[in-house]
Amino acid sequence: MSGKESLSLDEFATAPRRQRAAPAHPERAYNEGTAATRAMPDAVTEREKGETSSEASKALRQMKRVRMKGASHFVNVNLDRDTKRRLKLASFNLETSMQALMEKAIRQYLDANGF
């Protein structure tokens, strides 16, 4: 096929479009909906499920709060290149983590300034 030839849409085989089904009896759909709302045992069951799930979510929240009481809280600090290099060298020489050094330095600063 050369660049000048073109194809039309009629040359391609396409499947026919499906027709959307319209509601056959709108009154019937309304009656079924009202009958469903009248079914109280189902509504009671759903309410009980909702209460159970809300109790479960409350228990989960309380469990998360208890777990977070002793959890660590993080602080990000921007350091210039030289300070970061000195901190890394100190942690290597002292065989401890940079985090432990930062925690100790912050505690020492806060204690020295009365906080």
PDB file of N, CA and C in Angstrom:
ATOM      1  N   MET A   1       0.854  -1.184   0.000  1.00  0.00           N
ATOM      2  CA  MET A   1       0.000   0.000   0.000  1.00  0.00           C
ATOM      3  C   MET A   1       0.892   1.236   0.000  1.00  0.00           C
ATOM      4  N   SER A   2       0.643   2.119  -0.904  1.00  0.00           N
ATOM      5  CA  SER A   2       1.469   3.314  -0.997  1.00  0.00           C
ATOM      6  C   SER A   2       0.942   4.388  -0.060  1.00  0.00           C
ATOM      7  N   GLY A   3       1.707   5.430   0.154  1.00  0.00           N
ATOM      8  CA  GLY A   3       1.343   6.499   1.067  1.00  0.00           C
ATOM      9  C   GLY A   3       0.143   7.312   0.599  1.00  0.00           C
ATOM     10  N   LYS A   4      -0.141   7.300  -0.715  1.00  0.00           N
ATOM     11  CA  LYS A   4      -1.250   8.087  -1.226  1.00  0.00           C
ATOM     12  C   LYS A   4      -2.590   7.388  -1.052  1.00  0.00           C
ATOM     13  N   GLU A   5      -2.566   6.050  -0.930  1.00  0.00           N
ATOM     14  CA  GLU A   5      -3.820   5.329  -0.767  1.00  0.00           C
ATOM     15  C   GLU A   5      -4.325   5.498   0.664  1.00  0.00           C
ATOM     16  N   SER A   6      -5.609   5.542   0.796  1.00  0.00           N
ATOM     17  CA  SER A   6      -6.175   5.661   2.131  1.00  0.00           C
ATOM     18  C   SER A   6      -7.302   4.654   2.278  1.00  0.00           C
ATOM     19  N   LEU A   7      -7.547   4.266   3.492  1.00  0.00           N
ATOM     20  CA  LEU A   7      -8.597   3.309   3.791  1.00  0.00           C
ATOM     21  C   LEU A   7      -9.802   4.033   4.347  1.00  0.00           C
ATOM     22  N   SER A   8     -10.956   3.519   4.029  1.00  0.00           N
ATOM     23  CA  SER A   8     -12.165   4.091   4.604  1.00  0.00           C
ATOM     24  C   SER A   8     -12.621   3.210   5.754  1.00  0.00           C
ATOM     25  N   LEU A   9     -13.489   3.726   6.564  1.00  0.00           N
ATOM     26  CA  LEU A   9     -13.995   2.965   7.703  1.00  0.00           C
ATOM     27  C   LEU A   9     -14.820   1.768   7.271  1.00  0.00           C
ATOM     28  N   ASP A  10     -15.393   1.844   6.092  1.00  0.00           N
ATOM     29  CA  ASP A  10     -16.212   0.737   5.595  1.00  0.00           C
ATOM     30  C   ASP A  10     -15.375  -0.502   5.302  1.00  0.00           C
ATOM     31  N   GLU A  11     -14.083  -0.365   5.110  1.00  0.00           N
ATOM     32  CA  GLU A  11     -13.223  -1.494   4.778  1.00  0.00           C
ATOM     33  C   GLU A  11     -12.854  -2.327   5.999  1.00  0.00           C
ATOM     34  N   PHE A  12     -13.117  -1.831   7.202  1.00  0.00           N
ATOM     35  CA  PHE A  12     -12.787  -2.559   8.411  1.00  0.00           C
ATOM     36  C   PHE A  12     -14.030  -3.266   8.934  1.00  0.00           C
ATOM     37  N   ALA A  13     -13.847  -4.499   9.409  1.00  0.00           N
ATOM     38  CA  ALA A  13     -14.959  -5.245  10.003  1.00  0.00           C
ATOM     39  C   ALA A  13     -15.096  -4.806  11.456  1.00  0.00           C
ATOM     40  N   THR A  14     -16.261  -4.369  11.816  1.00  0.00           N
ATOM     41  CA  THR A  14     -16.512  -3.933  13.189  1.00  0.00           C
ATOM     42  C   THR A  14     -17.729  -4.655  13.729  1.00  0.00           C
ATOM     43  N   ALA A  15     -17.752  -4.853  15.013  1.00  0.00           N
ATOM     44  CA  ALA A  15     -18.892  -5.505  15.660  1.00  0.00           C
ATOM     45  C   ALA A  15     -20.010  -4.479  15.830  1.00  0.00           C
ATOM     46  N   PRO A  16     -21.250  -4.912  15.755  1.00  0.00           N
ATOM     47  CA  PRO A  16     -22.349  -3.966  15.965  1.00  0.00           C
ATOM     48  C   PRO A  16     -22.408  -3.542  17.422  1.00  0.00           C
ATOM     49  N   ARG A  17     -22.897  -2.347  17.666  1.00  0.00           N
ATOM     50  CA  ARG A  17     -23.027  -1.843  19.035  1.00  0.00           C
ATOM     51  C   ARG A  17     -24.150  -2.550  19.754  1.00  0.00           C
ATOM     52  N   ARG A  18     -23.937  -2.768  21.049  1.00  0.00           N
ATOM     53  CA  ARG A  18     -24.995  -3.372  21.849  1.00  0.00           C
ATOM     54  C   ARG A  18     -25.995  -2.300  22.227  1.00  0.00           C
ATOM     55  N   GLN A  19     -27.236  -2.661  22.210  1.00  0.00           N
ATOM     56  CA  GLN A  19     -28.294  -1.746  22.611  1.00  0.00           C
ATOM     57  C   GLN A  19     -28.450  -1.817  24.119  1.00  0.00           C
ATOM     58  N   ARG A  20     -28.578  -0.669  24.757  1.00  0.00           N
ATOM     59  CA  ARG A  20     -28.805  -0.645  26.203  1.00  0.00           C
ATOM     60  C   ARG A  20     -30.240  -1.038  26.488  1.00  0.00           C
ATOM     61  N   ALA A  21     -30.407  -1.868  27.485  1.00  0.00           N
ATOM     62  CA  ALA A  21     -31.739  -2.303  27.844  1.00  0.00           C
ATOM     63  C   ALA A  21     -32.389  -1.257  28.738  1.00  0.00           C
ATOM     64  N   ALA A  22     -33.533  -0.752  28.326  1.00  0.00           N
ATOM     65  CA  ALA A  22     -34.283   0.210  29.123  1.00  0.00           C
ATOM     66  C   ALA A  22     -35.120  -0.565  30.130  1.00  0.00           C
ATOM     67  N   PRO A  23     -35.389   0.003  31.307  1.00  0.00           N
ATOM     68  CA  PRO A  23     -36.235  -0.704  32.269  1.00  0.00           C
ATOM     69  C   PRO A  23     -37.600  -0.987  31.651  1.00  0.00           C
ATOM     70  N   ALA A  24     -37.992  -2.262  31.688  1.00  0.00           N
ATOM     71  CA  ALA A  24     -39.241  -2.681  31.061  1.00  0.00           C
ATOM     72  C   ALA A  24     -40.438  -2.119  31.811  1.00  0.00           C
ATOM     73  N   HIS A  25     -40.411  -2.199  33.133  1.00  0.00           N
ATOM     74  CA  HIS A  25     -41.534  -1.744  33.942  1.00  0.00           C
ATOM     75  C   HIS A  25     -41.015  -0.840  35.054  1.00  0.00           C
ATOM     76  N   PRO A  26     -41.046   0.460  34.883  1.00  0.00           N
ATOM     77  CA  PRO A  26     -40.544   1.361  35.923  1.00  0.00           C
ATOM     78  C   PRO A  26     -41.314   1.221  37.227  1.00  0.00           C
ATOM     79  N   GLU A  27     -42.616   0.945  37.157  1.00  0.00           N
ATOM     80  CA  GLU A  27     -43.411   0.794  38.375  1.00  0.00           C
ATOM     81  C   GLU A  27     -42.959  -0.427  39.157  1.00  0.00           C
ATOM     82  N   ARG A  28     -42.602  -1.490  38.437  1.00  0.00           N
ATOM     83  CA  ARG A  28     -42.143  -2.711  39.092  1.00  0.00           C
ATOM     84  C   ARG A  28     -40.848  -2.459  39.854  1.00  0.00           C
ATOM     85  N   ALA A  29     -39.924  -1.718  39.256  1.00  0.00           N
ATOM     86  CA  ALA A  29     -38.663  -1.401  39.915  1.00  0.00           C
ATOM     87  C   ALA A  29     -38.915  -0.592  41.181  1.00  0.00           C
ATOM     88  N   TYR A  30     -39.881   0.339  41.135  1.00  0.00           N
ATOM     89  CA  TYR A  30     -40.206   1.139  42.305  1.00  0.00           C
ATOM     90  C   TYR A  30     -40.799   0.255  43.400  1.00  0.00           C
ATOM     91  N   ASN A  31     -41.703  -0.642  43.040  1.00  0.00           N
ATOM     92  CA  ASN A  31     -42.326  -1.530  44.027  1.00  0.00           C
ATOM     93  C   ASN A  31     -41.307  -2.458  44.671  1.00  0.00           C
ATOM     94  N   GLU A  32     -40.360  -2.959  43.884  1.00  0.00           N
ATOM     95  CA  GLU A  32     -39.319  -3.824  44.439  1.00  0.00           C
ATOM     96  C   GLU A  32     -38.448  -3.048  45.418  1.00  0.00           C
ATOM     97  N   GLY A  33     -38.171  -1.791  45.102  1.00  0.00           N
ATOM     98  CA  GLY A  33     -37.359  -0.965  45.990  1.00  0.00           C
ATOM     99  C   GLY A  33     -38.055  -0.699  47.301  1.00  0.00           C
ATOM    100  N   THR A  34     -39.356  -0.423  47.268  1.00  0.00           N
ATOM    101  CA  THR A  34     -40.078  -0.167  48.510  1.00  0.00           C
ATOM    102  C   THR A  34     -40.245  -1.443  49.311  1.00  0.00           C
ATOM    103  N   ALA A  35     -40.365  -2.578  48.642  1.00  0.00           N
ATOM    104  CA  ALA A  35     -40.470  -3.848  49.357  1.00  0.00           C
ATOM    105  C   ALA A  35     -39.161  -4.154  50.075  1.00  0.00           C
ATOM    106  N   ALA A  36     -38.056  -3.788  49.462  1.00  0.00           N
ATOM    107  CA  ALA A  36     -36.764  -4.034  50.093  1.00  0.00           C
ATOM    108  C   ALA A  36     -36.588  -3.170  51.335  1.00  0.00           C
ATOM    109  N   THR A  37     -37.119  -1.956  51.305  1.00  0.00           N
ATOM    110  CA  THR A  37     -36.978  -1.095  52.478  1.00  0.00           C
ATOM    111  C   THR A  37     -37.889  -1.556  53.604  1.00  0.00           C
ATOM    112  N   ARG A  38     -38.952  -2.284  53.255  1.00  0.00           N
ATOM    113  CA  ARG A  38     -39.854  -2.801  54.284  1.00  0.00           C
ATOM    114  C   ARG A  38     -39.277  -3.995  55.005  1.00  0.00           C
ATOM    115  N   ALA A  39     -38.302  -4.647  54.451  1.00  0.00           N
ATOM    116  CA  ALA A  39     -37.739  -5.855  55.053  1.00  0.00           C
ATOM    117  C   ALA A  39     -36.880  -5.451  56.247  1.00  0.00           C
ATOM    118  N   MET A  40     -37.448  -5.443  57.423  1.00  0.00           N
ATOM    119  CA  MET A  40     -36.779  -4.990  58.628  1.00  0.00           C
ATOM    120  C   MET A  40     -35.663  -5.931  59.092  1.00  0.00           C
ATOM    121  N   PRO A  41     -35.806  -7.253  58.998  1.00  0.00           N
ATOM    122  CA  PRO A  41     -34.697  -8.104  59.465  1.00  0.00           C
ATOM    123  C   PRO A  41     -33.388  -7.792  58.756  1.00  0.00           C
ATOM    124  N   ASP A  42     -33.463  -7.478  57.452  1.00  0.00           N
ATOM    125  CA  ASP A  42     -32.244  -7.129  56.734  1.00  0.00           C
ATOM    126  C   ASP A  42     -31.674  -5.818  57.255  1.00  0.00           C
ATOM    127  N   ALA A  43     -32.519  -4.852  57.518  1.00  0.00           N
ATOM    128  CA  ALA A  43     -32.058  -3.558  58.022  1.00  0.00           C
ATOM    129  C   ALA A  43     -31.436  -3.715  59.406  1.00  0.00           C
ATOM    130  N   VAL A  44     -32.041  -4.561  60.237  1.00  0.00           N
ATOM    131  CA  VAL A  44     -31.493  -4.802  61.577  1.00  0.00           C
ATOM    132  C   VAL A  44     -30.131  -5.472  61.470  1.00  0.00           C
ATOM    133  N   THR A  45     -30.012  -6.437  60.571  1.00  0.00           N
ATOM    134  CA  THR A  45     -28.740  -7.124  60.377  1.00  0.00           C
ATOM    135  C   THR A  45     -27.669  -6.149  59.928  1.00  0.00           C
ATOM    136  N   GLU A  46     -28.014  -5.273  58.982  1.00  0.00           N
ATOM    137  CA  GLU A  46     -27.054  -4.288  58.502  1.00  0.00           C
ATOM    138  C   GLU A  46     -26.620  -3.342  59.612  1.00  0.00           C
ATOM    139  N   ARG A  47     -27.562  -2.930  60.470  1.00  0.00           N
ATOM    140  CA  ARG A  47     -27.232  -2.031  61.565  1.00  0.00           C
ATOM    141  C   ARG A  47     -26.297  -2.725  62.547  1.00  0.00           C
ATOM    142  N   GLU A  48     -26.553  -4.013  62.816  1.00  0.00           N
ATOM    143  CA  GLU A  48     -25.683  -4.756  63.727  1.00  0.00           C
ATOM    144  C   GLU A  48     -24.284  -4.881  63.150  1.00  0.00           C
ATOM    145  N   LYS A  49     -24.200  -5.102  61.840  1.00  0.00           N
ATOM    146  CA  LYS A  49     -22.885  -5.177  61.195  1.00  0.00           C
ATOM    147  C   LYS A  49     -22.169  -3.847  61.313  1.00  0.00           C
ATOM    148  N   GLY A  50     -22.922  -2.747  61.144  1.00  0.00           N
ATOM    149  CA  GLY A  50     -22.330  -1.416  61.259  1.00  0.00           C
ATOM    150  C   GLY A  50     -21.817  -1.149  62.655  1.00  0.00           C
ATOM    151  N   GLU A  51     -22.590  -1.583  63.674  1.00  0.00           N
ATOM    152  CA  GLU A  51     -22.152  -1.396  65.059  1.00  0.00           C
ATOM    153  C   GLU A  51     -20.907  -2.219  65.341  1.00  0.00           C
ATOM    154  N   THR A  52     -20.877  -3.446  64.830  1.00  0.00           N
ATOM    155  CA  THR A  52     -19.719  -4.307  65.038  1.00  0.00           C
ATOM    156  C   THR A  52     -18.485  -3.706  64.374  1.00  0.00           C
ATOM    157  N   SER A  53     -18.643  -3.194  63.162  1.00  0.00           N
ATOM    158  CA  SER A  53     -17.491  -2.623  62.476  1.00  0.00           C
ATOM    159  C   SER A  53     -17.034  -1.338  63.159  1.00  0.00           C
ATOM    160  N   SER A  54     -17.977  -0.552  63.706  1.00  0.00           N
ATOM    161  CA  SER A  54     -17.550   0.663  64.393  1.00  0.00           C
ATOM    162  C   SER A  54     -16.832   0.320  65.694  1.00  0.00           C
ATOM    163  N   GLU A  55     -17.287  -0.714  66.386  1.00  0.00           N
ATOM    164  CA  GLU A  55     -16.588  -1.150  67.598  1.00  0.00           C
ATOM    165  C   GLU A  55     -15.193  -1.654  67.250  1.00  0.00           C
ATOM    166  N   ALA A  56     -15.083  -2.379  66.153  1.00  0.00           N
ATOM    167  CA  ALA A  56     -13.779  -2.883  65.723  1.00  0.00           C
ATOM    168  C   ALA A  56     -12.847  -1.736  65.356  1.00  0.00           C
ATOM    169  N   SER A  57     -13.380  -0.727  64.677  1.00  0.00           N
ATOM    170  CA  SER A  57     -12.523   0.400  64.296  1.00  0.00           C
ATOM    171  C   SER A  57     -12.093   1.199  65.518  1.00  0.00           C
ATOM    172  N   LYS A  58     -12.980   1.318  66.526  1.00  0.00           N
ATOM    173  CA  LYS A  58     -12.587   1.995  67.763  1.00  0.00           C
ATOM    174  C   LYS A  58     -11.475   1.239  68.467  1.00  0.00           C
ATOM    175  N   ALA A  59     -11.612  -0.085  68.527  1.00  0.00           N
ATOM    176  CA  ALA A  59     -10.588  -0.903  69.173  1.00  0.00           C
ATOM    177  C   ALA A  59      -9.259  -0.789  68.439  1.00  0.00           C
ATOM    178  N   LEU A  60      -9.310  -0.756  67.120  1.00  0.00           N
ATOM    179  CA  LEU A  60      -8.086  -0.626  66.330  1.00  0.00           C
ATOM    180  C   LEU A  60      -7.421   0.716  66.573  1.00  0.00           C
ATOM    181  N   ARG A  61      -8.223   1.800  66.629  1.00  0.00           N
ATOM    182  CA  ARG A  61      -7.665   3.119  66.919  1.00  0.00           C
ATOM    183  C   ARG A  61      -7.008   3.166  68.288  1.00  0.00           C
ATOM    184  N   GLN A  62      -7.665   2.565  69.295  1.00  0.00           N
ATOM    185  CA  GLN A  62      -7.100   2.552  70.645  1.00  0.00           C
ATOM    186  C   GLN A  62      -5.798   1.769  70.677  1.00  0.00           C
ATOM    187  N   MET A  63      -5.756   0.655  69.959  1.00  0.00           N
ATOM    188  CA  MET A  63      -4.541  -0.144  69.912  1.00  0.00           C
ATOM    189  C   MET A  63      -3.405   0.650  69.263  1.00  0.00           C
ATOM    190  N   LYS A  64      -3.713   1.401  68.203  1.00  0.00           N
ATOM    191  CA  LYS A  64      -2.691   2.212  67.541  1.00  0.00           C
ATOM    192  C   LYS A  64      -2.185   3.312  68.465  1.00  0.00           C
ATOM    193  N   ARG A  65      -3.094   3.935  69.252  1.00  0.00           N
ATOM    194  CA  ARG A  65      -2.677   4.981  70.195  1.00  0.00           C
ATOM    195  C   ARG A  65      -1.722   4.432  71.239  1.00  0.00           C
ATOM    196  N   VAL A  66      -2.051   3.250  71.789  1.00  0.00           N
ATOM    197  CA  VAL A  66      -1.196   2.633  72.802  1.00  0.00           C
ATOM    198  C   VAL A  66       0.181   2.330  72.211  1.00  0.00           C
ATOM    199  N   ARG A  67       0.203   1.838  70.975  1.00  0.00           N
ATOM    200  CA  ARG A  67       1.469   1.512  70.337  1.00  0.00           C
ATOM    201  C   ARG A  67       2.288   2.764  70.072  1.00  0.00           C
ATOM    202  N   MET A  68       1.641   3.883  69.738  1.00  0.00           N
ATOM    203  CA  MET A  68       2.354   5.111  69.401  1.00  0.00           C
ATOM    204  C   MET A  68       2.887   5.851  70.624  1.00  0.00           C
ATOM    205  N   LYS A  69       2.425   5.499  71.838  1.00  0.00           N
ATOM    206  CA  LYS A  69       2.900   6.212  73.026  1.00  0.00           C
ATOM    207  C   LYS A  69       4.401   6.084  73.198  1.00  0.00           C
ATOM    208  N   GLY A  70       4.953   4.911  72.918  1.00  0.00           N
ATOM    209  CA  GLY A  70       6.383   4.712  73.078  1.00  0.00           C
ATOM    210  C   GLY A  70       7.147   4.812  71.782  1.00  0.00           C
ATOM    211  N   ALA A  71       6.495   5.237  70.723  1.00  0.00           N
ATOM    212  CA  ALA A  71       7.133   5.258  69.410  1.00  0.00           C
ATOM    213  C   ALA A  71       8.059   6.461  69.254  1.00  0.00           C
ATOM    214  N   SER A  72       8.975   6.325  68.346  1.00  0.00           N
ATOM    215  CA  SER A  72       9.908   7.410  68.036  1.00  0.00           C
ATOM    216  C   SER A  72       9.231   8.426  67.138  1.00  0.00           C
ATOM    217  N   HIS A  73       9.647   9.656  67.248  1.00  0.00           N
ATOM    218  CA  HIS A  73       9.185  10.712  66.363  1.00  0.00           C
ATOM    219  C   HIS A  73      10.403  11.266  65.658  1.00  0.00           C
ATOM    220  N   PHE A  74      10.279  11.481  64.374  1.00  0.00           N
ATOM    221  CA  PHE A  74      11.425  11.836  63.559  1.00  0.00           C
ATOM    222  C   PHE A  74      11.490  13.326  63.295  1.00  0.00           C
ATOM    223  N   VAL A  75      12.732  13.816  63.203  1.00  0.00           N
ATOM    224  CA  VAL A  75      12.995  15.212  62.868  1.00  0.00           C
ATOM    225  C   VAL A  75      14.031  15.206  61.756  1.00  0.00           C
ATOM    226  N   ASN A  76      13.750  15.917  60.683  1.00  0.00           N
ATOM    227  CA  ASN A  76      14.706  16.036  59.585  1.00  0.00           C
ATOM    228  C   ASN A  76      15.540  17.287  59.786  1.00  0.00           C
ATOM    229  N   VAL A  77      16.831  17.161  59.533  1.00  0.00           N
ATOM    230  CA  VAL A  77      17.743  18.292  59.711  1.00  0.00           C
ATOM    231  C   VAL A  77      18.579  18.442  58.447  1.00  0.00           C
ATOM    232  N   ASN A  78      18.615  19.641  57.904  1.00  0.00           N
ATOM    233  CA  ASN A  78      19.488  19.918  56.767  1.00  0.00           C
ATOM    234  C   ASN A  78      20.860  20.300  57.293  1.00  0.00           C
ATOM    235  N   LEU A  79      21.865  19.587  56.848  1.00  0.00           N
ATOM    236  CA  LEU A  79      23.244  19.875  57.257  1.00  0.00           C
ATOM    237  C   LEU A  79      24.054  20.276  56.038  1.00  0.00           C
ATOM    238  N   ASP A  80      24.999  21.175  56.253  1.00  0.00           N
ATOM    239  CA  ASP A  80      25.903  21.493  55.153  1.00  0.00           C
ATOM    240  C   ASP A  80      26.875  20.324  54.984  1.00  0.00           C
ATOM    241  N   ARG A  81      27.570  20.305  53.883  1.00  0.00           N
ATOM    242  CA  ARG A  81      28.423  19.170  53.526  1.00  0.00           C
ATOM    243  C   ARG A  81      29.508  18.900  54.570  1.00  0.00           C
ATOM    244  N   ASP A  82      30.119  19.966  55.078  1.00  0.00           N
ATOM    245  CA  ASP A  82      31.213  19.802  56.039  1.00  0.00           C
ATOM    246  C   ASP A  82      30.700  19.215  57.363  1.00  0.00           C
ATOM    247  N   THR A  83      29.564  19.703  57.847  1.00  0.00           N
ATOM    248  CA  THR A  83      29.006  19.196  59.104  1.00  0.00           C
ATOM    249  C   THR A  83      28.601  17.732  58.968  1.00  0.00           C
ATOM    250  N   LYS A  84      28.017  17.391  57.858  1.00  0.00           N
ATOM    251  CA  LYS A  84      27.625  15.997  57.620  1.00  0.00           C
ATOM    252  C   LYS A  84      28.863  15.096  57.578  1.00  0.00           C
ATOM    253  N   ARG A  85      29.930  15.558  56.948  1.00  0.00           N
ATOM    254  CA  ARG A  85      31.170  14.776  56.873  1.00  0.00           C
ATOM    255  C   ARG A  85      31.761  14.579  58.263  1.00  0.00           C
ATOM    256  N   ARG A  86      31.740  15.644  59.088  1.00  0.00           N
ATOM    257  CA  ARG A  86      32.257  15.540  60.457  1.00  0.00           C
ATOM    258  C   ARG A  86      31.414  14.581  61.294  1.00  0.00           C
ATOM    259  N   LEU A  87      30.094  14.636  61.133  1.00  0.00           N
ATOM    260  CA  LEU A  87      29.210  13.736  61.865  1.00  0.00           C
ATOM    261  C   LEU A  87      29.449  12.284  61.459  1.00  0.00           C
ATOM    262  N   LYS A  88      29.624  12.050  60.180  1.00  0.00           N
ATOM    263  CA  LYS A  88      29.866  10.700  59.683  1.00  0.00           C
ATOM    264  C   LYS A  88      31.212  10.177  60.183  1.00  0.00           C
ATOM    265  N   LEU A  89      32.226  11.021  60.190  1.00  0.00           N
ATOM    266  CA  LEU A  89      33.546  10.623  60.684  1.00  0.00           C
ATOM    267  C   LEU A  89      33.494  10.315  62.175  1.00  0.00           C
ATOM    268  N   ALA A  90      32.783  11.149  62.940  1.00  0.00           N
ATOM    269  CA  ALA A  90      32.649  10.918  64.377  1.00  0.00           C
ATOM    270  C   ALA A  90      31.916   9.611  64.663  1.00  0.00           C
ATOM    271  N   SER A  91      30.885   9.327  63.914  1.00  0.00           N
ATOM    272  CA  SER A  91      30.143   8.083  64.140  1.00  0.00           C
ATOM    273  C   SER A  91      30.995   6.874  63.788  1.00  0.00           C
ATOM    274  N   PHE A  92      31.841   7.007  62.767  1.00  0.00           N
ATOM    275  CA  PHE A  92      32.736   5.906  62.409  1.00  0.00           C
ATOM    276  C   PHE A  92      33.788   5.685  63.487  1.00  0.00           C
ATOM    277  N   ASN A  93      34.396   6.767  63.965  1.00  0.00           N
ATOM    278  CA  ASN A  93      35.453   6.652  64.981  1.00  0.00           C
ATOM    279  C   ASN A  93      34.900   6.147  66.314  1.00  0.00           C
ATOM    280  N   LEU A  94      33.682   6.547  66.679  1.00  0.00           N
ATOM    281  CA  LEU A  94      33.085   6.129  67.946  1.00  0.00           C
ATOM    282  C   LEU A  94      32.315   4.810  67.823  1.00  0.00           C
ATOM    283  N   GLU A  95      32.255   4.292  66.610  1.00  0.00           N
ATOM    284  CA  GLU A  95      31.531   3.054  66.327  1.00  0.00           C
ATOM    285  C   GLU A  95      30.094   3.112  66.839  1.00  0.00           C
ATOM    286  N   THR A  96      29.422   4.189  66.518  1.00  0.00           N
ATOM    287  CA  THR A  96      28.015   4.370  66.849  1.00  0.00           C
ATOM    288  C   THR A  96      27.314   4.997  65.648  1.00  0.00           C
ATOM    289  N   SER A  97      26.005   5.050  65.696  1.00  0.00           N
ATOM    290  CA  SER A  97      25.269   5.602  64.550  1.00  0.00           C
ATOM    291  C   SER A  97      25.221   7.125  64.622  1.00  0.00           C
ATOM    292  N   MET A  98      25.019   7.725  63.464  1.00  0.00           N
ATOM    293  CA  MET A  98      24.870   9.176  63.413  1.00  0.00           C
ATOM    294  C   MET A  98      23.617   9.591  64.170  1.00  0.00           C
ATOM    295  N   GLN A  99      22.590   8.762  64.125  1.00  0.00           N
ATOM    296  CA  GLN A  99      21.346   9.058  64.834  1.00  0.00           C
ATOM    297  C   GLN A  99      21.579   9.128  66.335  1.00  0.00           C
ATOM    298  N   ALA A 100      22.340   8.186  66.882  1.00  0.00           N
ATOM    299  CA  ALA A 100      22.610   8.188  68.315  1.00  0.00           C
ATOM    300  C   ALA A 100      23.387   9.436  68.714  1.00  0.00           C
ATOM    301  N   LEU A 101      24.346   9.840  67.872  1.00  0.00           N
ATOM    302  CA  LEU A 101      25.103  11.065  68.153  1.00  0.00           C
ATOM    303  C   LEU A 101      24.201  12.293  68.133  1.00  0.00           C
ATOM    304  N   MET A 102      23.290  12.364  67.156  1.00  0.00           N
ATOM    305  CA  MET A 102      22.378  13.497  67.066  1.00  0.00           C
ATOM    306  C   MET A 102      21.442  13.543  68.272  1.00  0.00           C
ATOM    307  N   GLU A 103      20.923  12.385  68.685  1.00  0.00           N
ATOM    308  CA  GLU A 103      20.032  12.340  69.846  1.00  0.00           C
ATOM    309  C   GLU A 103      20.757  12.829  71.104  1.00  0.00           C
ATOM    310  N   LYS A 104      21.996  12.352  71.284  1.00  0.00           N
ATOM    311  CA  LYS A 104      22.778  12.749  72.457  1.00  0.00           C
ATOM    312  C   LYS A 104      23.080  14.246  72.431  1.00  0.00           C
ATOM    313  N   ALA A 105      23.423  14.769  71.264  1.00  0.00           N
ATOM    314  CA  ALA A 105      23.727  16.192  71.140  1.00  0.00           C
ATOM    315  C   ALA A 105      22.487  17.051  71.421  1.00  0.00           C
ATOM    316  N   ILE A 106      21.345  16.631  70.946  1.00  0.00           N
ATOM    317  CA  ILE A 106      20.110  17.391  71.171  1.00  0.00           C
ATOM    318  C   ILE A 106      19.747  17.376  72.647  1.00  0.00           C
ATOM    319  N   ARG A 107      19.852  16.213  73.292  1.00  0.00           N
ATOM    320  CA  ARG A 107      19.554  16.125  74.732  1.00  0.00           C
ATOM    321  C   ARG A 107      20.500  17.014  75.530  1.00  0.00           C
ATOM    322  N   GLN A 108      21.773  16.975  75.203  1.00  0.00           N
ATOM    323  CA  GLN A 108      22.770  17.781  75.897  1.00  0.00           C
ATOM    324  C   GLN A 108      22.469  19.270  75.718  1.00  0.00           C
ATOM    325  N   TYR A 109      22.098  19.685  74.523  1.00  0.00           N
ATOM    326  CA  TYR A 109      21.767  21.077  74.273  1.00  0.00           C
ATOM    327  C   TYR A 109      20.534  21.508  75.069  1.00  0.00           C
ATOM    328  N   LEU A 110      19.492  20.658  75.037  1.00  0.00           N
ATOM    329  CA  LEU A 110      18.266  21.004  75.760  1.00  0.00           C
ATOM    330  C   LEU A 110      18.494  21.060  77.281  1.00  0.00           C
ATOM    331  N   ASP A 111      19.287  20.134  77.806  1.00  0.00           N
ATOM    332  CA  ASP A 111      19.578  20.152  79.244  1.00  0.00           C
ATOM    333  C   ASP A 111      20.406  21.376  79.620  1.00  0.00           C
ATOM    334  N   ALA A 112      21.383  21.739  78.791  1.00  0.00           N
ATOM    335  CA  ALA A 112      22.240  22.882  79.074  1.00  0.00           C
ATOM    336  C   ALA A 112      21.458  24.197  79.045  1.00  0.00           C
ATOM    337  N   ASN A 113      20.404  24.266  78.253  1.00  0.00           N
ATOM    338  CA  ASN A 113      19.623  25.501  78.139  1.00  0.00           C
ATOM    339  C   ASN A 113      18.348  25.463  78.959  1.00  0.00           C
ATOM    340  N   GLY A 114      18.175  24.467  79.791  1.00  0.00           N
ATOM    341  CA  GLY A 114      17.054  24.418  80.726  1.00  0.00           C
ATOM    342  C   GLY A 114      15.703  24.072  80.110  1.00  0.00           C
ATOM    343  N   PHE A 115      15.698  23.349  79.042  1.00  0.00           N
ATOM    344  CA  PHE A 115      14.421  22.938  78.430  1.00  0.00           C
ATOM    345  C   PHE A 115      14.050  21.542  78.846  1.00  0.00           C
TER     346      PHE A 115
END
